[in-house]
C-alpha cells in the first residue's frame, strides 16, 4: 500500500495517509486512457454546424420558366439546389457527437490517471485549503509555498471562496470530487487532493 505525506498550506508535513493499491498503483495502458479522453472530448463538441436545405429556404414555388422550348433543363422553383440562393443538398445538420464507453472502462481509466500522478510524484494531499479572504494573492501564497505552477485542485464540497480566488490564475482549476475525470487529471501537471476527498474517491472507484 502506497503512503503519501499530508501537507498543510505552508507545505509542511503534518501526517501521512495510506493509498490503496487498487486505485493508485495500477499498470497504465495508454489505449484505455486514450479511449476515455476521446469520449470526453467528443461529448464537449458543440455539434451545431447547420445549413439550410431546400425545405428551409423561403421563396416562391412557381415554375421559373416553361417546361419546353427553351433548350434548357427542366426548371424547378427558385429554392432548387442548382440555383444561387437555393438549398444545400448534403450539408451538415445539428447533431450530438457524444457516446459512452463501458462504466468499468471509465473507472479503470480514472484509476490509471491517479496512478500516473502518484508514480510521477505529482500528487499532493493537503489537510485543508481554507482561505481567510476571497483574494487571488492569498491563493498564490499557498501554491507558491507548494512550489506548484499548474494543478487540478479537488475539493470535497463547493468552496466558493477558493473557486473565486483561483479562477483568474492560469494553470489552475478547482473541481469538486464528484466531477473528477481523466481528461482534467492528465491536463494539469499536478493533482492536489484535500484529505477529505480521499474517502470519497475510494468509495466511488471501489464500489
C-alpha atoms as a PDB file:
ATOM      1  CA  UNK A   1       0.000   0.000   0.000  1.00  0.00           C
ATOM      2  CA  UNK A   2       1.382   3.389  -1.004  1.00  0.00           C
ATOM      3  CA  UNK A   3       1.922   6.079   1.585  1.00  0.00           C
ATOM      4  CA  UNK A   4       1.632   9.798   0.852  1.00  0.00           C
ATOM      5  CA  UNK A   5       2.505  12.777   3.017  1.00  0.00           C
ATOM      6  CA  UNK A   6      -0.287  15.097   4.105  1.00  0.00           C
ATOM      7  CA  UNK A   7       0.809  18.734   3.989  1.00  0.00           C
ATOM      8  CA  UNK A   8      -0.603  21.940   5.354  1.00  0.00           C
ATOM      9  CA  UNK A   9      -0.936  25.202   3.438  1.00  0.00           C
ATOM     10  CA  UNK A  10       2.696  26.039   4.227  1.00  0.00           C
ATOM     11  CA  UNK A  11       3.908  22.803   2.580  1.00  0.00           C
ATOM     12  CA  UNK A  12       4.898  21.323   5.934  1.00  0.00           C
ATOM     13  CA  UNK A  13       4.280  17.639   6.597  1.00  0.00           C
ATOM     14  CA  UNK A  14       1.767  17.024   9.364  1.00  0.00           C
ATOM     15  CA  UNK A  15       0.854  13.334   8.867  1.00  0.00           C
ATOM     16  CA  UNK A  16       0.622  10.505   6.356  1.00  0.00           C
ATOM     17  CA  UNK A  17      -2.179   8.693   4.558  1.00  0.00           C
ATOM     18  CA  UNK A  18      -2.377   5.187   3.114  1.00  0.00           C
ATOM     19  CA  UNK A  19      -3.469   4.950  -0.524  1.00  0.00           C
ATOM     20  CA  UNK A  20      -4.954   1.675  -1.735  1.00  0.00           C
ATOM     21  CA  UNK A  21      -3.006  -0.061  -4.483  1.00  0.00           C
ATOM     22  CA  UNK A  22      -6.238  -0.900  -6.314  1.00  0.00           C
ATOM     23  CA  UNK A  23      -6.582   2.794  -7.209  1.00  0.00           C
ATOM     24  CA  UNK A  24      -3.175   4.450  -7.018  1.00  0.00           C
ATOM     25  CA  UNK A  25      -0.805   1.687  -8.063  1.00  0.00           C
ATOM     26  CA  UNK A  26      -2.122   0.159 -11.281  1.00  0.00           C
ATOM     27  CA  UNK A  27      -0.216  -0.540 -14.509  1.00  0.00           C
ATOM     28  CA  UNK A  28      -1.067   2.111 -17.088  1.00  0.00           C
ATOM     29  CA  UNK A  29      -2.419   1.321 -20.551  1.00  0.00           C
ATOM     30  CA  UNK A  30      -2.355   4.272 -22.902  1.00  0.00           C
ATOM     31  CA  UNK A  31      -5.088   2.825 -25.112  1.00  0.00           C
ATOM     32  CA  UNK A  32      -7.632   2.887 -22.279  1.00  0.00           C
ATOM     33  CA  UNK A  33      -6.749   6.461 -21.316  1.00  0.00           C
ATOM     34  CA  UNK A  34      -6.991   7.495 -24.967  1.00  0.00           C
ATOM     35  CA  UNK A  35     -10.407   5.886 -25.336  1.00  0.00           C
ATOM     36  CA  UNK A  36     -11.874   7.674 -22.324  1.00  0.00           C
ATOM     37  CA  UNK A  37     -10.306  11.069 -23.098  1.00  0.00           C
ATOM     38  CA  UNK A  38     -11.581  10.846 -26.678  1.00  0.00           C
ATOM     39  CA  UNK A  39     -15.060  10.106 -25.334  1.00  0.00           C
ATOM     40  CA  UNK A  40     -14.925  13.136 -23.036  1.00  0.00           C
ATOM     41  CA  UNK A  41     -13.765  15.491 -25.778  1.00  0.00           C
ATOM     42  CA  UNK A  42     -16.389  14.152 -28.189  1.00  0.00           C
ATOM     43  CA  UNK A  43     -19.080  14.933 -25.625  1.00  0.00           C
ATOM     44  CA  UNK A  44     -17.862  18.537 -25.431  1.00  0.00           C
ATOM     45  CA  UNK A  45     -18.185  19.152 -29.178  1.00  0.00           C
ATOM     46  CA  UNK A  46     -20.926  21.650 -29.976  1.00  0.00           C
ATOM     47  CA  UNK A  47     -22.294  19.805 -32.999  1.00  0.00           C
ATOM     48  CA  UNK A  48     -24.090  22.994 -34.051  1.00  0.00           C
ATOM     49  CA  UNK A  49     -22.943  23.190 -37.691  1.00  0.00           C
ATOM     50  CA  UNK A  50     -26.006  23.523 -39.930  1.00  0.00           C
ATOM     51  CA  UNK A  51     -27.107  24.559 -43.417  1.00  0.00           C
ATOM     52  CA  UNK A  52     -30.472  25.351 -44.944  1.00  0.00           C
ATOM     53  CA  UNK A  53     -31.929  22.595 -47.054  1.00  0.00           C
ATOM     54  CA  UNK A  54     -34.436  23.096 -49.837  1.00  0.00           C
ATOM     55  CA  UNK A  55     -37.385  22.957 -47.455  1.00  0.00           C
ATOM     56  CA  UNK A  56     -35.800  25.605 -45.200  1.00  0.00           C
ATOM     57  CA  UNK A  57     -35.451  28.265 -47.913  1.00  0.00           C
ATOM     58  CA  UNK A  58     -38.113  30.962 -48.084  1.00  0.00           C
ATOM     59  CA  UNK A  59     -39.178  31.612 -51.671  1.00  0.00           C
ATOM     60  CA  UNK A  60     -41.836  31.187 -54.306  1.00  0.00           C
ATOM     61  CA  UNK A  61     -42.751  27.712 -55.502  1.00  0.00           C
ATOM     62  CA  UNK A  62     -43.678  28.822 -59.005  1.00  0.00           C
ATOM     63  CA  UNK A  63     -42.021  27.380 -62.063  1.00  0.00           C
ATOM     64  CA  UNK A  64     -39.277  29.746 -63.255  1.00  0.00           C
ATOM     65  CA  UNK A  65     -39.893  29.245 -66.983  1.00  0.00           C
ATOM     66  CA  UNK A  66     -41.851  26.965 -69.252  1.00  0.00           C
ATOM     67  CA  UNK A  67     -41.086  23.282 -69.477  1.00  0.00           C
ATOM     68  CA  UNK A  68     -40.282  23.024 -73.173  1.00  0.00           C
ATOM     69  CA  UNK A  69     -38.933  25.109 -75.987  1.00  0.00           C
ATOM     70  CA  UNK A  70     -36.120  26.965 -74.223  1.00  0.00           C
ATOM     71  CA  UNK A  71     -33.353  24.418 -74.767  1.00  0.00           C
ATOM     72  CA  UNK A  72     -32.586  24.454 -71.039  1.00  0.00           C
ATOM     73  CA  UNK A  73     -33.021  21.772 -68.445  1.00  0.00           C
ATOM     74  CA  UNK A  74     -36.443  21.301 -66.912  1.00  0.00           C
ATOM     75  CA  UNK A  75     -36.885  24.040 -64.313  1.00  0.00           C
ATOM     76  CA  UNK A  76     -37.811  23.719 -60.680  1.00  0.00           C
ATOM     77  CA  UNK A  77     -38.554  26.571 -58.323  1.00  0.00           C
ATOM     78  CA  UNK A  78     -36.138  29.216 -57.015  1.00  0.00           C
ATOM     79  CA  UNK A  79     -35.271  27.024 -53.999  1.00  0.00           C
ATOM     80  CA  UNK A  80     -33.563  24.425 -56.186  1.00  0.00           C
ATOM     81  CA  UNK A  81     -30.052  23.447 -55.001  1.00  0.00           C
ATOM     82  CA  UNK A  82     -28.850  24.080 -58.549  1.00  0.00           C
ATOM     83  CA  UNK A  83     -29.547  27.805 -58.301  1.00  0.00           C
ATOM     84  CA  UNK A  84     -27.763  30.517 -56.363  1.00  0.00           C
ATOM     85  CA  UNK A  85     -29.561  31.045 -53.065  1.00  0.00           C
ATOM     86  CA  UNK A  86     -31.127  27.608 -53.202  1.00  0.00           C
ATOM     87  CA  UNK A  87     -30.995  24.961 -50.532  1.00  0.00           C
ATOM     88  CA  UNK A  88     -27.985  22.799 -49.762  1.00  0.00           C
ATOM     89  CA  UNK A  89     -28.123  19.106 -50.598  1.00  0.00           C
ATOM     90  CA  UNK A  90     -25.676  17.286 -48.333  1.00  0.00           C
ATOM     91  CA  UNK A  91     -24.687  19.949 -45.793  1.00  0.00           C
ATOM     92  CA  UNK A  92     -24.444  19.215 -42.049  1.00  0.00           C
ATOM     93  CA  UNK A  93     -27.315  19.259 -39.577  1.00  0.00           C
ATOM     94  CA  UNK A  94     -27.064  19.761 -35.794  1.00  0.00           C
ATOM     95  CA  UNK A  95     -26.010  16.538 -34.103  1.00  0.00           C
ATOM     96  CA  UNK A  96     -24.523  15.170 -30.909  1.00  0.00           C
ATOM     97  CA  UNK A  97     -21.059  13.637 -31.022  1.00  0.00           C
ATOM     98  CA  UNK A  98     -21.412  12.161 -27.536  1.00  0.00           C
ATOM     99  CA  UNK A  99     -21.034   8.445 -26.941  1.00  0.00           C
ATOM    100  CA  UNK A 100     -20.324   6.247 -23.951  1.00  0.00           C
ATOM    101  CA  UNK A 101     -17.691   3.684 -23.136  1.00  0.00           C
ATOM    102  CA  UNK A 102     -18.461   1.000 -20.520  1.00  0.00           C
ATOM    103  CA  UNK A 103     -18.555   2.165 -16.906  1.00  0.00           C
ATOM    104  CA  UNK A 104     -15.850  -0.333 -15.916  1.00  0.00           C
ATOM    105  CA  UNK A 105     -13.519   1.135 -18.541  1.00  0.00           C
ATOM    106  CA  UNK A 106     -14.172   4.682 -17.319  1.00  0.00           C
ATOM    107  CA  UNK A 107     -13.404   3.657 -13.737  1.00  0.00           C
ATOM    108  CA  UNK A 108     -10.239   1.855 -14.799  1.00  0.00           C
ATOM    109  CA  UNK A 109      -9.026   4.874 -16.770  1.00  0.00           C
ATOM    110  CA  UNK A 110      -9.614   7.134 -13.746  1.00  0.00           C
ATOM    111  CA  UNK A 111      -7.594   4.778 -11.548  1.00  0.00           C
ATOM    112  CA  UNK A 112      -4.782   4.764 -14.112  1.00  0.00           C
ATOM    113  CA  UNK A 113      -4.754   8.575 -14.265  1.00  0.00           C
ATOM    114  CA  UNK A 114      -4.436   8.729 -10.463  1.00  0.00           C
ATOM    115  CA  UNK A 115      -1.698   6.086 -10.594  1.00  0.00           C
ATOM    116  CA  UNK A 116       0.258   8.217 -13.076  1.00  0.00           C
ATOM    117  CA  UNK A 117       0.196  11.236 -10.753  1.00  0.00           C
ATOM    118  CA  UNK A 118       1.378   9.200  -7.771  1.00  0.00           C
ATOM    119  CA  UNK A 119       4.074   7.446  -9.804  1.00  0.00           C
ATOM    120  CA  UNK A 120       5.419  10.766 -11.128  1.00  0.00           C
ATOM    121  CA  UNK A 121       5.309  12.410  -7.663  1.00  0.00           C
ATOM    122  CA  UNK A 122       2.719  14.887  -8.923  1.00  0.00           C
ATOM    123  CA  UNK A 123       0.079  14.004  -6.325  1.00  0.00           C
ATOM    124  CA  UNK A 124      -0.194  16.390  -3.377  1.00  0.00           C
ATOM    125  CA  UNK A 125      -2.525  15.839  -0.429  1.00  0.00           C
ATOM    126  CA  UNK A 126      -3.428  18.818   1.773  1.00  0.00           C
ATOM    127  CA  UNK A 127      -5.179  18.609   5.117  1.00  0.00           C
ATOM    128  CA  UNK A 128      -7.301  21.626   4.123  1.00  0.00           C
ATOM    129  CA  UNK A 129      -7.212  24.707   1.940  1.00  0.00           C
ATOM    130  CA  UNK A 130      -9.238  27.362   3.716  1.00  0.00           C
ATOM    131  CA  UNK A 131      -8.642  30.919   2.550  1.00  0.00           C
ATOM    132  CA  UNK A 132      -9.361  33.695   5.019  1.00  0.00           C
ATOM    133  CA  UNK A 133     -10.439  36.035   2.223  1.00  0.00           C
ATOM    134  CA  UNK A 134     -11.505  35.727  -1.396  1.00  0.00           C
ATOM    135  CA  UNK A 135      -8.223  37.071  -2.710  1.00  0.00           C
ATOM    136  CA  UNK A 136      -6.058  35.781  -5.551  1.00  0.00           C
ATOM    137  CA  UNK A 137      -2.979  36.946  -3.657  1.00  0.00           C
ATOM    138  CA  UNK A 138      -3.794  34.628  -0.763  1.00  0.00           C
ATOM    139  CA  UNK A 139      -4.306  31.702  -3.130  1.00  0.00           C
ATOM    140  CA  UNK A 140      -0.970  32.399  -4.829  1.00  0.00           C
ATOM    141  CA  UNK A 141       0.803  32.363  -1.477  1.00  0.00           C
ATOM    142  CA  UNK A 142      -0.399  28.801  -0.921  1.00  0.00           C
ATOM    143  CA  UNK A 143       0.591  27.450  -4.366  1.00  0.00           C
ATOM    144  CA  UNK A 144       3.934  29.254  -4.227  1.00  0.00           C
ATOM    145  CA  UNK A 145       4.652  27.611  -0.881  1.00  0.00           C
ATOM    146  CA  UNK A 146       3.894  24.257  -2.525  1.00  0.00           C
ATOM    147  CA  UNK A 147       6.133  25.229  -5.476  1.00  0.00           C
ATOM    148  CA  UNK A 148       3.394  24.370  -7.971  1.00  0.00           C
ATOM    149  CA  UNK A 149       2.653  26.268 -11.188  1.00  0.00           C
ATOM    150  CA  UNK A 150      -0.141  24.095 -12.610  1.00  0.00           C
ATOM    151  CA  UNK A 151      -2.625  21.910 -10.762  1.00  0.00           C
ATOM    152  CA  UNK A 152      -6.110  20.490 -10.592  1.00  0.00           C
ATOM    153  CA  UNK A 153      -7.441  21.094  -7.083  1.00  0.00           C
ATOM    154  CA  UNK A 154     -10.129  18.669  -5.905  1.00  0.00           C
ATOM    155  CA  UNK A 155     -12.399  19.622  -3.003  1.00  0.00           C
ATOM    156  CA  UNK A 156     -14.959  17.551  -1.132  1.00  0.00           C
ATOM    157  CA  UNK A 157     -17.661  20.205  -1.408  1.00  0.00           C
ATOM    158  CA  UNK A 158     -18.324  23.566  -3.001  1.00  0.00           C
ATOM    159  CA  UNK A 159     -15.782  26.157  -1.862  1.00  0.00           C
ATOM    160  CA  UNK A 160     -16.865  29.413  -3.437  1.00  0.00           C
ATOM    161  CA  UNK A 161     -14.069  31.403  -1.827  1.00  0.00           C
ATOM    162  CA  UNK A 162     -11.393  29.125  -3.262  1.00  0.00           C
ATOM    163  CA  UNK A 163     -13.063  28.950  -6.680  1.00  0.00           C
ATOM    164  CA  UNK A 164     -13.293  32.730  -6.976  1.00  0.00           C
ATOM    165  CA  UNK A 165      -9.757  33.320  -5.703  1.00  0.00           C
ATOM    166  CA  UNK A 166      -8.224  30.898  -8.215  1.00  0.00           C
ATOM    167  CA  UNK A 167     -10.288  31.470 -11.344  1.00  0.00           C
ATOM    168  CA  UNK A 168      -8.019  34.195 -12.780  1.00  0.00           C
ATOM    169  CA  UNK A 169      -4.816  32.229 -12.177  1.00  0.00           C
ATOM    170  CA  UNK A 170      -3.727  30.416 -15.361  1.00  0.00           C
ATOM    171  CA  UNK A 171      -2.834  26.764 -14.963  1.00  0.00           C
ATOM    172  CA  UNK A 172      -5.192  26.057 -12.057  1.00  0.00           C
ATOM    173  CA  UNK A 173      -8.670  24.624 -11.821  1.00  0.00           C
ATOM    174  CA  UNK A 174     -10.820  23.875  -8.782  1.00  0.00           C
ATOM    175  CA  UNK A 175     -13.197  20.939  -9.058  1.00  0.00           C
ATOM    176  CA  UNK A 176     -15.464  19.098  -6.683  1.00  0.00           C
ATOM    177  CA  UNK A 177     -14.741  15.411  -6.213  1.00  0.00           C
ATOM    178  CA  UNK A 178     -17.966  14.403  -7.999  1.00  0.00           C
ATOM    179  CA  UNK A 179     -16.607  15.866 -11.242  1.00  0.00           C
ATOM    180  CA  UNK A 180     -13.176  14.230 -11.100  1.00  0.00           C
ATOM    181  CA  UNK A 181     -12.340  12.953 -14.571  1.00  0.00           C
ATOM    182  CA  UNK A 182      -9.469  11.538 -16.628  1.00  0.00           C
ATOM    183  CA  UNK A 183      -9.053  14.476 -19.024  1.00  0.00           C
ATOM    184  CA  UNK A 184      -8.598  17.137 -16.336  1.00  0.00           C
ATOM    185  CA  UNK A 185      -6.261  14.943 -14.270  1.00  0.00           C
ATOM    186  CA  UNK A 186      -3.971  14.465 -17.266  1.00  0.00           C
ATOM    187  CA  UNK A 187      -4.303  18.064 -18.496  1.00  0.00           C
ATOM    188  CA  UNK A 188      -2.784  19.665 -15.400  1.00  0.00           C
ATOM    189  CA  UNK A 189       0.748  18.944 -14.247  1.00  0.00           C
ATOM    190  CA  UNK A 190      -0.131  18.325 -10.599  1.00  0.00           C
ATOM    191  CA  UNK A 191      -3.125  16.936  -8.747  1.00  0.00           C
ATOM    192  CA  UNK A 192      -3.955  18.447  -5.369  1.00  0.00           C
ATOM    193  CA  UNK A 193      -6.384  16.439  -3.250  1.00  0.00           C
ATOM    194  CA  UNK A 194      -7.792  17.589   0.058  1.00  0.00           C
ATOM    195  CA  UNK A 195      -7.611  14.909   2.728  1.00  0.00           C
ATOM    196  CA  UNK A 196     -11.403  14.859   2.948  1.00  0.00           C
ATOM    197  CA  UNK A 197     -11.676  13.730  -0.698  1.00  0.00           C
ATOM    198  CA  UNK A 198      -9.667  10.514  -0.299  1.00  0.00           C
ATOM    199  CA  UNK A 199     -12.555   8.511   1.163  1.00  0.00           C
ATOM    200  CA  UNK A 200     -14.932   9.854  -1.482  1.00  0.00           C
ATOM    201  CA  UNK A 201     -12.619   8.748  -4.291  1.00  0.00           C
ATOM    202  CA  UNK A 202     -12.179   5.300  -2.749  1.00  0.00           C
ATOM    203  CA  UNK A 203     -15.926   4.899  -2.303  1.00  0.00           C
ATOM    204  CA  UNK A 204     -16.548   5.901  -5.917  1.00  0.00           C
ATOM    205  CA  UNK A 205     -13.892   3.707  -7.528  1.00  0.00           C
ATOM    206  CA  UNK A 206     -14.065   0.619  -5.322  1.00  0.00           C
ATOM    207  CA  UNK A 207     -17.849   0.250  -5.347  1.00  0.00           C
END
